Amino acid sequence: MSLLSAFSQQCEINSDKVALIEGNNQLSYQQLKLQAEQLSSLIFARNPDCQRVIIAIERGIDATIAILSVLGIGACYIPLDIKNPVHRLRYIVNDADAQCVIGKGPCPEWLDKPEHWLDISQHTTIDPLHTWPITVNEQSLAAILYTSGSTGNPKGVALSHKAMGNFADWAGNTFNITEKDNIGSLAPFHFDLSVFDLFTSLNRAATIHFVPGKLTLSPSRLTSWLSEHCISVWYTVPSLLSYITHKGALVETDLSHLRTILFAGEVFSTQQLIKLSDFLPKVDLYNLYGPTETNVCCYWPVDRKCLKADSTIPIGIAACDAKLKIDSETGELLVQSTNNLSGYWQQGKLIPALSSDNYYATGDKVSINNLGEYCYHGRLDRMLKCSGYRVEPAEIEQIILQCPEVKSCAVIGIKDIISGQRLAAAVVLKTGTTLAEIIRPIKQRLPSYMQPSKFKVLSSLPQLSNGKIDYQMLQKQLEST
């Protein structure tokens, strides 16, 4: 069954209902389907055998049309963060081996094959396909989401129609999403939180309101926007919720329409969660856990009575009918789920990522408390979570080491009272070099969420007796200054 099956049904049942709102623009379910069909026809006319399509458009109505159009012809969509540095965009496009790139306006310089560029503004001149969406095998790929990779390059997580549809259905049932809901959508489409925003919402005939990105810099304006648009359900990251808890004017803002907040992507400080729950006593709060490879595999309905400032919150119980187990030696969480990825997409090929019995090794250390809930105890490797994004320090270190002035470096996460964790880089420079000489070129080559907020010059990196970097000592040095 296609990921679009339920959406197509809603277009028949709720054809005139508003599906998408972005600023002053809006589309009904019928209008959205028609425009997606028109773009599908254009893609198909150019390449009937198209299997993978890059979406190079910012989150919003146009990007949604593009995603639906790609799925409508049975192809797989690959969303880009178009604010990324050129070298990163070029790497993803070439690695994905896509046959089409949908964007807006003239072809950008980072696309090595201009003949693949398709300007979305052309789609309204095309007659729509008569059979849409095309029937696809549920195991066919629906999306490839690129995340930070431990090898120094982005890594594509390949997800099937069945995996994404399973999560969308589970979330719709669990959080009772209906046609009466107004969904606040802020997650970029290359971020797995967007699967809920798009597919759970559209499958249930809810209305998606695209939150203006600039509002994340002004928490009081953001909460005012949530009030103005009568947002009832919002899925976001803990760092942003902590921010609006501090400066979002929650006492003065009418959020009576808001019934559910879902959060995921990073650890939520219990102290901040207590404050948020006190400000919003009638809002149901849920902690959702899972790497991109599993989407959500655990969830915890926040029990306000169990919140203690000196204790971390649980990640809860199995979600989406997942089977969970803990490695007896390492404490690593292993997940067997319909949500699990099909594999990693690398250089135009699908690379297996699951064990022989279809478990995914998360790399996260967990335990089970006396209530039978899973509790998170950090990473077994160096991967970090910052502002909801997965960040592999090795990818940042590779960029830093490309600066000829740098002899060695190490990137770690340091504690932050609002966001929980932020990036810091320790660098050893060649004689006569200043920190100012390297910061600008480094930031130009990294996405904003991967840019260290703190740099510190050291004469040498602290080492253990075996010659490896002493990351605990390094963290003390960076957090103390």
Protein backbone atom coordinates (compact mmCIF):
# COMPACT_ATOMS: atom_id res chain seq x y z
CA MET A 1 0.00 0.00 0.00
CA SER A 2 1.29 3.46 -0.92
CA LEU A 3 2.07 6.04 1.74
CA LEU A 4 -0.45 8.22 -0.16
CA SER A 5 -3.41 5.82 0.04
CA ALA A 6 -5.02 7.37 3.11
CA PHE A 7 -4.30 10.90 1.88
CA SER A 8 -5.99 10.15 -1.45
CA GLN A 9 -9.07 8.91 0.41
CA GLN A 10 -9.20 12.12 2.44
CA CYS A 11 -9.07 14.11 -0.79
CA GLU A 12 -12.33 12.42 -1.78
CA ILE A 13 -14.02 12.63 1.63
CA ASN A 14 -12.77 16.08 2.69
CA SER A 15 -12.06 17.65 -0.69
CA ASP A 16 -12.89 21.24 0.32
CA LYS A 17 -11.21 21.17 3.72
CA VAL A 18 -8.03 23.25 4.07
CA ALA A 19 -4.97 21.00 3.98
CA LEU A 20 -2.06 23.45 4.07
CA ILE A 21 -1.61 27.02 5.28
CA GLU A 22 1.60 28.98 4.78
CA GLY A 23 1.41 32.69 5.48
CA ASN A 24 -1.41 34.08 3.35
CA ASN A 25 -1.48 31.03 1.08
CA GLN A 26 -3.58 27.93 1.54
CA LEU A 27 -4.69 24.84 -0.38
CA SER A 28 -7.65 22.54 0.10
CA TYR A 29 -7.20 18.78 -0.04
CA GLN A 30 -8.63 18.75 -3.58
CA GLN A 31 -6.34 21.58 -4.73
CA LEU A 32 -3.29 19.93 -3.14
CA LYS A 33 -3.97 16.63 -4.86
CA LEU A 34 -4.51 18.33 -8.24
CA GLN A 35 -1.25 20.27 -8.03
CA ALA A 36 0.65 17.17 -6.94
CA GLU A 37 -0.87 15.24 -9.85
CA GLN A 38 0.19 17.97 -12.28
CA LEU A 39 3.78 17.89 -11.04
CA SER A 40 3.74 14.08 -11.12
CA SER A 41 2.80 14.30 -14.79
CA LEU A 42 5.68 16.65 -15.51
CA ILE A 43 8.21 14.38 -13.77
CA PHE A 44 6.82 11.33 -15.53
CA ALA A 45 6.87 13.04 -18.93
CA ARG A 46 10.54 13.88 -18.52
CA ASN A 47 11.58 10.46 -17.19
CA PRO A 48 9.03 7.61 -16.99
CA ASP A 49 11.60 5.46 -15.16
CA CYS A 50 12.42 8.06 -12.49
CA GLN A 51 13.12 6.33 -9.16
CA ARG A 52 14.70 9.00 -6.92
CA VAL A 53 13.97 12.73 -6.81
CA ILE A 54 15.77 15.42 -4.84
CA ILE A 55 13.53 18.07 -3.22
CA ALA A 56 15.51 21.32 -3.12
CA ILE A 57 12.78 23.55 -1.69
CA GLU A 58 12.31 25.00 1.77
CA ARG A 59 9.66 23.46 4.04
CA GLY A 60 6.21 24.69 3.04
CA ILE A 61 3.42 24.31 0.49
CA ASP A 62 5.65 23.97 -2.60
CA ALA A 63 7.88 21.36 -0.96
CA THR A 64 4.80 19.40 0.15
CA ILE A 65 3.43 19.40 -3.40
CA ALA A 66 6.82 18.18 -4.63
CA ILE A 67 7.00 15.34 -2.09
CA LEU A 68 3.47 14.13 -2.85
CA SER A 69 4.13 14.31 -6.59
CA VAL A 70 7.22 12.12 -6.26
CA LEU A 71 5.40 9.52 -4.19
CA GLY A 72 2.52 9.71 -6.65
CA ILE A 73 4.62 8.24 -9.46
CA GLY A 74 6.09 5.57 -7.18
CA ALA A 75 9.46 7.27 -6.79
CA CYS A 76 11.44 8.08 -3.62
CA TYR A 77 11.88 11.65 -2.34
CA ILE A 78 15.16 12.99 -0.93
CA PRO A 79 14.75 16.35 0.85
CA LEU A 80 17.69 18.75 0.99
CA ASP A 81 18.49 21.45 3.48
CA ILE A 82 19.20 24.07 0.82
CA LYS A 83 20.94 26.27 3.40
CA ASN A 84 23.72 23.70 3.63
CA PRO A 85 27.16 24.55 2.25
CA VAL A 86 27.59 23.90 -1.46
CA HIS A 87 30.04 21.01 -1.03
CA ARG A 88 27.56 19.18 1.24
CA LEU A 89 24.67 19.70 -1.18
CA ARG A 90 26.78 18.44 -4.07
CA TYR A 91 27.85 15.38 -2.09
CA ILE A 92 24.25 14.40 -1.23
CA VAL A 93 22.98 14.92 -4.78
CA ASN A 94 25.77 12.81 -6.26
CA ASP A 95 25.52 10.12 -3.58
CA ALA A 96 21.75 9.82 -4.01
CA ASP A 97 22.14 9.27 -7.77
CA ALA A 98 18.78 10.95 -8.36
CA GLN A 99 17.24 11.32 -11.81
CA CYS A 100 15.49 14.61 -11.05
CA VAL A 101 15.98 17.64 -8.78
CA ILE A 102 12.89 19.75 -8.05
CA GLY A 103 13.55 23.34 -7.04
CA LYS A 104 12.41 26.91 -7.62
CA GLY A 105 13.90 29.28 -10.16
CA PRO A 106 17.14 28.82 -12.14
CA CYS A 107 19.40 25.79 -11.73
CA PRO A 108 21.88 26.26 -8.83
CA GLU A 109 25.65 25.98 -9.20
CA TRP A 110 25.93 22.90 -6.97
CA LEU A 111 23.99 20.73 -9.42
CA ASP A 112 26.53 19.08 -11.75
CA LYS A 113 23.79 17.84 -14.12
CA PRO A 114 21.62 20.87 -15.02
CA GLU A 115 19.45 18.66 -17.24
CA HIS A 116 18.04 17.11 -14.03
CA TRP A 117 16.72 20.45 -12.75
CA LEU A 118 12.93 20.90 -12.72
CA ASP A 119 11.48 24.28 -11.77
CA ILE A 120 8.30 23.61 -9.77
CA SER A 121 6.60 26.68 -11.26
CA GLN A 122 6.14 24.73 -14.52
CA HIS A 123 3.75 22.17 -13.06
CA THR A 124 0.50 24.12 -13.42
CA THR A 125 0.71 23.98 -17.22
CA ILE A 126 0.58 20.15 -17.34
CA ASP A 127 -2.52 17.97 -17.53
CA PRO A 128 -2.59 15.60 -14.54
CA LEU A 129 -2.10 11.85 -14.76
CA HIS A 130 -5.25 9.76 -14.84
CA THR A 131 -3.92 7.11 -12.42
CA TRP A 132 -2.53 8.70 -9.27
CA PRO A 133 -1.03 7.57 -7.02
CA ILE A 134 0.61 4.61 -8.77
CA THR A 135 0.34 1.35 -6.82
CA VAL A 136 3.67 0.48 -5.25
CA ASN A 137 5.08 -2.38 -3.23
CA GLU A 138 4.96 -1.43 0.46
CA GLN A 139 8.65 -2.34 0.75
CA SER A 140 9.59 0.18 -1.97
CA LEU A 141 11.56 3.19 -0.81
CA ALA A 142 9.51 6.29 -0.03
CA ALA A 143 12.25 8.57 1.32
CA ILE A 144 15.97 8.88 1.93
CA LEU A 145 16.82 11.21 4.82
CA TYR A 146 20.46 12.27 5.03
CA THR A 147 21.95 12.61 8.50
CA SER A 148 25.41 13.36 9.83
CA GLY A 149 27.74 10.40 9.26
CA SER A 150 30.55 9.00 11.41
CA THR A 151 32.71 8.44 8.30
CA GLY A 152 32.96 12.19 7.72
CA ASN A 153 30.19 12.46 5.12
CA PRO A 154 26.38 12.60 5.32
CA LYS A 155 24.64 9.22 5.47
CA GLY A 156 21.34 8.41 3.75
CA VAL A 157 18.73 6.57 5.83
CA ALA A 158 16.42 4.74 3.39
CA LEU A 159 12.80 4.33 4.53
CA SER A 160 10.04 2.29 2.91
CA HIS A 161 6.37 3.10 2.38
CA LYS A 162 5.55 0.46 4.99
CA ALA A 163 7.93 1.92 7.59
CA MET A 164 6.72 5.50 7.23
CA GLY A 165 3.08 4.47 6.95
CA ASN A 166 3.29 2.35 10.08
CA PHE A 167 4.55 5.28 12.11
CA ALA A 168 2.01 7.69 10.60
CA ASP A 169 -0.85 5.32 11.47
CA TRP A 170 0.44 4.64 14.99
CA ALA A 171 0.82 8.34 15.72
CA GLY A 172 -2.62 9.15 14.33
CA ASN A 173 -4.24 6.52 16.55
CA THR A 174 -2.13 7.15 19.66
CA PHE A 175 -2.56 10.93 19.68
CA ASN A 176 -6.09 10.90 18.25
CA ILE A 177 -5.39 13.13 15.27
CA THR A 178 -8.61 14.14 13.47
CA GLU A 179 -9.91 16.57 10.87
CA LYS A 180 -10.50 19.05 13.70
CA ASP A 181 -6.78 19.40 14.45
CA ASN A 182 -4.51 22.26 13.47
CA ILE A 183 -0.96 20.90 13.31
CA GLY A 184 1.97 23.26 13.83
CA SER A 185 4.72 22.16 11.42
CA LEU A 186 8.23 23.41 12.10
CA ALA A 187 10.45 20.39 11.43
CA PRO A 188 12.52 20.62 8.21
CA PHE A 189 11.53 17.94 5.72
CA HIS A 190 14.97 16.29 5.92
CA PHE A 191 14.29 15.74 9.65
CA ASP A 192 12.29 12.63 10.64
CA LEU A 193 9.86 14.64 12.80
CA SER A 194 8.38 15.83 9.49
CA VAL A 195 6.93 12.35 8.84
CA PHE A 196 4.36 13.10 11.55
CA ASP A 197 3.75 16.66 10.38
CA LEU A 198 3.08 15.59 6.78
CA PHE A 199 1.70 12.08 6.68
CA THR A 200 -0.05 11.66 10.01
CA SER A 201 -1.74 15.02 9.44
CA LEU A 202 -2.74 14.50 5.80
CA ASN A 203 -3.88 10.92 6.45
CA ARG A 204 -6.29 12.23 9.10
CA ALA A 205 -7.57 15.30 7.20
CA ALA A 206 -5.98 17.69 9.71
CA THR A 207 -4.82 21.17 8.64
CA ILE A 208 -1.07 21.75 8.54
CA HIS A 209 0.08 25.25 9.49
CA PHE A 210 3.71 25.91 8.52
CA VAL A 211 5.39 27.78 11.36
CA PRO A 212 7.52 30.67 10.03
CA GLY A 213 11.14 29.70 10.71
CA LYS A 214 12.11 33.19 11.89
CA LEU A 215 9.81 32.81 14.90
CA THR A 216 12.25 30.38 16.53
CA LEU A 217 14.38 33.45 17.30
CA SER A 218 11.51 35.16 19.12
CA PRO A 219 9.77 32.77 21.55
CA SER A 220 7.05 35.20 22.59
CA ARG A 221 6.11 35.80 18.93
CA LEU A 222 6.15 32.04 18.38
CA THR A 223 3.69 31.34 21.20
CA SER A 224 1.55 34.23 19.97
CA TRP A 225 1.51 32.60 16.52
CA LEU A 226 0.46 29.25 18.04
CA SER A 227 -2.41 31.05 19.76
CA GLU A 228 -3.47 33.02 16.69
CA HIS A 229 -3.65 29.88 14.52
CA CYS A 230 -5.38 27.79 17.21
CA ILE A 231 -2.68 25.12 17.01
CA SER A 232 -3.87 21.97 18.74
CA VAL A 233 -0.92 19.60 18.19
CA TRP A 234 2.76 20.46 17.91
CA TYR A 235 5.76 18.16 17.48
CA THR A 236 9.11 19.81 18.14
CA VAL A 237 12.45 19.55 19.95
CA PRO A 238 13.12 20.03 23.69
CA SER A 239 15.63 22.87 23.17
CA LEU A 240 12.93 25.03 21.56
CA LEU A 241 10.40 24.13 24.25
CA SER A 242 12.96 25.11 26.90
CA TYR A 243 13.43 28.42 25.10
CA ILE A 244 9.72 29.27 25.11
CA THR A 245 9.49 28.14 28.74
CA HIS A 246 12.03 30.86 29.59
CA LYS A 247 10.95 33.63 27.23
CA GLY A 248 7.71 32.58 25.55
CA ALA A 249 5.29 34.64 27.64
CA LEU A 250 3.32 31.47 28.38
CA VAL A 251 1.42 33.05 31.29
CA GLU A 252 0.09 35.90 29.13
CA THR A 253 -0.63 33.84 25.98
CA ASP A 254 -3.93 32.06 25.37
CA LEU A 255 -3.01 28.52 24.33
CA SER A 256 -6.36 27.00 25.22
CA HIS A 257 -6.56 25.25 21.82
CA LEU A 258 -3.27 23.45 22.39
CA ARG A 259 -4.05 19.93 23.59
CA THR A 260 -0.91 17.92 22.76
CA ILE A 261 2.83 18.60 22.57
CA LEU A 262 5.15 15.87 21.32
CA PHE A 263 8.90 16.26 21.70
CA ALA A 264 11.87 14.25 20.48
CA GLY A 265 15.39 14.46 19.13
CA GLU A 266 17.34 15.17 22.32
CA VAL A 267 17.20 14.88 26.11
CA PHE A 268 14.72 17.26 27.75
CA SER A 269 16.02 18.72 31.00
CA THR A 270 13.61 17.60 33.71
CA GLN A 271 13.78 21.01 35.36
CA GLN A 272 12.69 22.67 32.11
CA LEU A 273 9.98 20.08 31.53
CA ILE A 274 8.57 20.69 35.02
CA LYS A 275 8.35 24.42 34.26
CA LEU A 276 6.67 23.78 30.92
CA SER A 277 4.15 21.36 32.44
CA ASP A 278 3.33 23.90 35.15
CA PHE A 279 2.74 26.61 32.55
CA LEU A 280 0.56 24.28 30.44
CA PRO A 281 -1.26 22.09 32.99
CA LYS A 282 -4.03 21.02 30.55
CA VAL A 283 -1.70 20.04 27.69
CA ASP A 284 -0.80 16.38 27.20
CA LEU A 285 2.99 16.01 26.87
CA TYR A 286 4.77 13.06 25.27
CA ASN A 287 8.45 12.18 25.12
CA LEU A 288 9.12 10.34 21.84
CA TYR A 289 12.38 8.47 21.35
CA GLY A 290 14.10 6.86 18.40
CA PRO A 291 16.91 7.48 15.91
CA THR A 292 16.07 8.31 12.29
CA GLU A 293 16.66 4.63 11.49
CA THR A 294 13.64 3.55 13.60
CA ASN A 295 11.63 6.77 13.72
CA VAL A 296 9.81 6.41 17.07
CA CYS A 297 10.37 3.13 18.90
CA CYS A 298 9.63 4.29 22.49
CA TYR A 299 7.32 6.89 23.97
CA TRP A 300 6.47 8.17 27.44
CA PRO A 301 3.23 10.02 28.24
CA VAL A 302 4.58 12.60 30.69
CA ASP A 303 3.33 11.78 34.19
CA ARG A 304 3.59 15.07 36.03
CA LYS A 305 3.54 13.28 39.40
CA CYS A 306 6.74 11.42 38.50
CA LEU A 307 8.77 14.47 37.46
CA LYS A 308 11.69 15.06 39.83
CA ALA A 309 14.18 17.81 39.13
CA ASP A 310 17.17 15.64 40.04
CA SER A 311 16.12 12.70 37.81
CA THR A 312 16.03 12.25 34.04
CA ILE A 313 12.74 11.36 32.40
CA PRO A 314 12.16 7.89 30.90
CA ILE A 315 11.91 7.22 27.19
CA GLY A 316 9.04 4.95 28.14
CA ILE A 317 7.57 1.87 26.56
CA ALA A 318 7.63 0.32 23.09
CA ALA A 319 5.90 2.30 20.33
CA CYS A 320 4.61 1.25 16.90
CA ASP A 321 4.50 -2.42 17.98
CA ALA A 322 8.30 -2.48 18.19
CA LYS A 323 10.13 -5.32 19.90
CA LEU A 324 12.91 -4.05 22.16
CA LYS A 325 15.79 -5.82 23.85
CA ILE A 326 18.95 -4.79 25.65
CA ASP A 327 22.37 -6.21 24.85
CA SER A 328 23.41 -7.99 28.05
CA GLU A 329 27.06 -6.95 27.73
CA THR A 330 26.89 -3.34 26.56
CA GLY A 331 23.41 -2.21 27.63
CA GLU A 332 22.70 -1.14 24.02
CA LEU A 333 19.08 -0.85 22.92
CA LEU A 334 18.20 -3.09 19.97
CA VAL A 335 15.00 -2.46 18.01
CA GLN A 336 12.95 -4.72 15.77
CA SER A 337 10.17 -2.66 14.20
CA THR A 338 8.11 -2.21 11.07
CA ASN A 339 9.44 1.35 11.23
CA ASN A 340 13.04 0.20 10.77
CA LEU A 341 15.03 1.48 7.84
CA SER A 342 15.50 -0.60 4.70
CA GLY A 343 19.22 0.16 4.78
CA TYR A 344 21.71 2.98 4.23
CA TRP A 345 21.84 4.58 0.81
CA GLN A 346 25.43 5.03 -0.34
CA GLN A 347 26.70 5.87 -3.81
CA GLY A 348 23.50 4.82 -5.51
CA LYS A 349 23.15 1.52 -3.65
CA LEU A 350 21.23 0.20 -0.65
CA ILE A 351 23.56 -1.11 2.08
CA PRO A 352 22.06 -3.51 4.69
CA ALA A 353 21.87 -2.10 8.22
CA LEU A 354 19.94 -4.68 10.26
CA SER A 355 21.02 -7.86 11.99
CA SER A 356 20.04 -11.26 10.63
CA ASP A 357 16.92 -11.19 12.85
CA ASN A 358 16.05 -7.63 11.73
CA TYR A 359 17.13 -5.73 14.84
CA TYR A 360 18.67 -2.27 14.57
CA ALA A 361 21.46 -1.45 17.03
CA THR A 362 20.75 2.10 18.21
CA GLY A 363 24.10 2.85 19.85
CA ASP A 364 22.18 4.11 22.90
CA LYS A 365 22.70 2.71 26.37
CA VAL A 366 19.47 2.03 28.27
CA SER A 367 18.01 0.26 31.28
CA ILE A 368 14.53 -0.63 32.53
CA ASN A 369 13.17 0.95 35.72
CA ASN A 370 10.89 -0.68 38.29
CA LEU A 371 7.82 0.47 36.33
CA GLY A 372 8.96 -1.38 33.23
CA GLU A 373 9.93 1.83 31.43
CA TYR A 374 13.09 2.23 29.37
CA CYS A 375 15.55 4.88 30.56
CA TYR A 376 18.22 6.51 28.41
CA HIS A 377 21.83 6.69 29.65
CA GLY A 378 23.66 8.27 26.73
CA ARG A 379 25.59 7.11 23.70
CA LEU A 380 28.00 4.22 23.45
CA ASP A 381 29.81 6.07 20.66
CA ARG A 382 30.54 9.77 20.11
CA MET A 383 27.36 10.76 18.30
CA LEU A 384 25.66 13.86 19.74
CA LYS A 385 22.18 15.37 19.61
CA CYS A 386 22.03 19.14 19.23
CA SER A 387 18.77 21.05 18.68
CA GLY A 388 17.19 17.75 17.70
CA TYR A 389 19.76 17.01 14.99
CA ARG A 390 22.03 14.01 15.01
CA VAL A 391 25.63 15.19 14.81
CA GLU A 392 28.66 13.00 14.26
CA PRO A 393 31.77 14.77 15.63
CA ALA A 394 33.92 12.97 13.04
CA GLU A 395 32.20 14.85 10.21
CA ILE A 396 32.93 18.21 11.86
CA GLU A 397 36.49 17.20 12.68
CA GLN A 398 37.11 16.29 9.05
CA ILE A 399 36.10 19.81 7.98
CA ILE A 400 38.25 21.44 10.67
CA LEU A 401 41.27 19.35 9.70
CA GLN A 402 40.97 20.56 6.13
CA CYS A 403 42.23 23.93 7.39
CA PRO A 404 46.02 23.90 6.80
CA GLU A 405 46.52 25.87 10.01
CA VAL A 406 45.12 23.06 12.20
CA LYS A 407 47.41 20.30 13.48
CA SER A 408 44.76 18.32 15.39
CA CYS A 409 41.27 18.78 16.80
CA ALA A 410 38.43 17.15 18.72
CA VAL A 411 34.72 18.00 18.85
CA ILE A 412 32.57 17.21 21.89
CA GLY A 413 29.24 18.17 23.44
CA ILE A 414 29.18 20.43 26.48
CA LYS A 415 26.26 21.13 28.80
CA ASP A 416 23.91 24.03 28.13
CA ILE A 417 21.15 25.17 30.50
CA ILE A 418 18.63 25.83 27.68
CA SER A 419 19.45 23.45 24.84
CA GLY A 420 20.88 20.70 27.05
CA GLN A 421 23.94 20.28 24.85
CA ARG A 422 25.98 22.39 22.45
CA LEU A 423 29.02 21.76 20.32
CA ALA A 424 32.53 22.72 21.29
CA ALA A 425 35.80 22.25 19.41
CA ALA A 426 39.33 22.02 20.81
CA VAL A 427 42.02 22.76 18.24
CA VAL A 428 45.80 22.58 18.18
CA LEU A 429 47.13 25.19 15.76
CA LYS A 430 50.37 25.51 13.91
CA THR A 431 52.80 28.13 15.21
CA GLY A 432 51.84 31.67 14.32
CA THR A 433 48.19 30.88 13.59
CA THR A 434 45.27 32.58 15.36
CA LEU A 435 41.82 31.19 16.03
CA ALA A 436 40.19 33.96 13.99
CA GLU A 437 41.92 32.67 10.84
CA ILE A 438 40.13 29.32 10.92
CA ILE A 439 36.66 29.99 12.34
CA ARG A 440 35.18 31.68 9.27
CA PRO A 441 36.22 29.04 6.69
CA ILE A 442 35.06 26.27 9.05
CA LYS A 443 31.61 27.80 9.50
CA GLN A 444 31.27 28.35 5.76
CA ARG A 445 31.65 24.59 5.21
CA LEU A 446 29.28 23.39 7.94
CA PRO A 447 25.47 23.52 8.29
CA SER A 448 24.41 25.88 11.06
CA TYR A 449 23.41 23.06 13.44
CA MET A 450 26.89 21.49 13.08
CA GLN A 451 28.85 24.65 13.80
CA PRO A 452 30.63 24.61 17.19
CA SER A 453 29.45 27.44 19.42
CA LYS A 454 32.75 27.37 21.28
CA PHE A 455 36.35 27.02 20.09
CA LYS A 456 39.33 26.62 22.40
CA VAL A 457 42.97 26.55 21.42
CA LEU A 458 45.10 23.98 23.28
CA SER A 459 48.81 23.23 23.07
CA SER A 460 47.88 19.53 22.81
CA LEU A 461 44.84 17.31 23.19
CA PRO A 462 44.68 15.37 26.48
CA GLN A 463 45.44 11.67 26.02
CA LEU A 464 44.83 8.42 27.83
CA SER A 465 47.66 5.99 28.56
CA ASN A 466 46.86 4.12 25.33
CA GLY A 467 47.37 7.28 23.26
CA LYS A 468 43.68 7.89 22.54
CA ILE A 469 42.03 11.24 23.26
CA ASP A 470 40.80 11.62 26.83
CA TYR A 471 37.32 13.00 26.09
CA GLN A 472 36.30 13.25 29.75
CA MET A 473 39.29 15.46 30.52
CA LEU A 474 38.66 17.45 27.36
CA GLN A 475 35.05 18.06 28.38
CA LYS A 476 36.16 19.35 31.80
CA GLN A 477 38.62 21.71 30.14
CA LEU A 478 36.02 23.11 27.72
CA GLU A 479 33.22 23.44 30.27
CA SER A 480 35.44 25.17 32.83
CA THR A 481 36.27 28.14 30.62
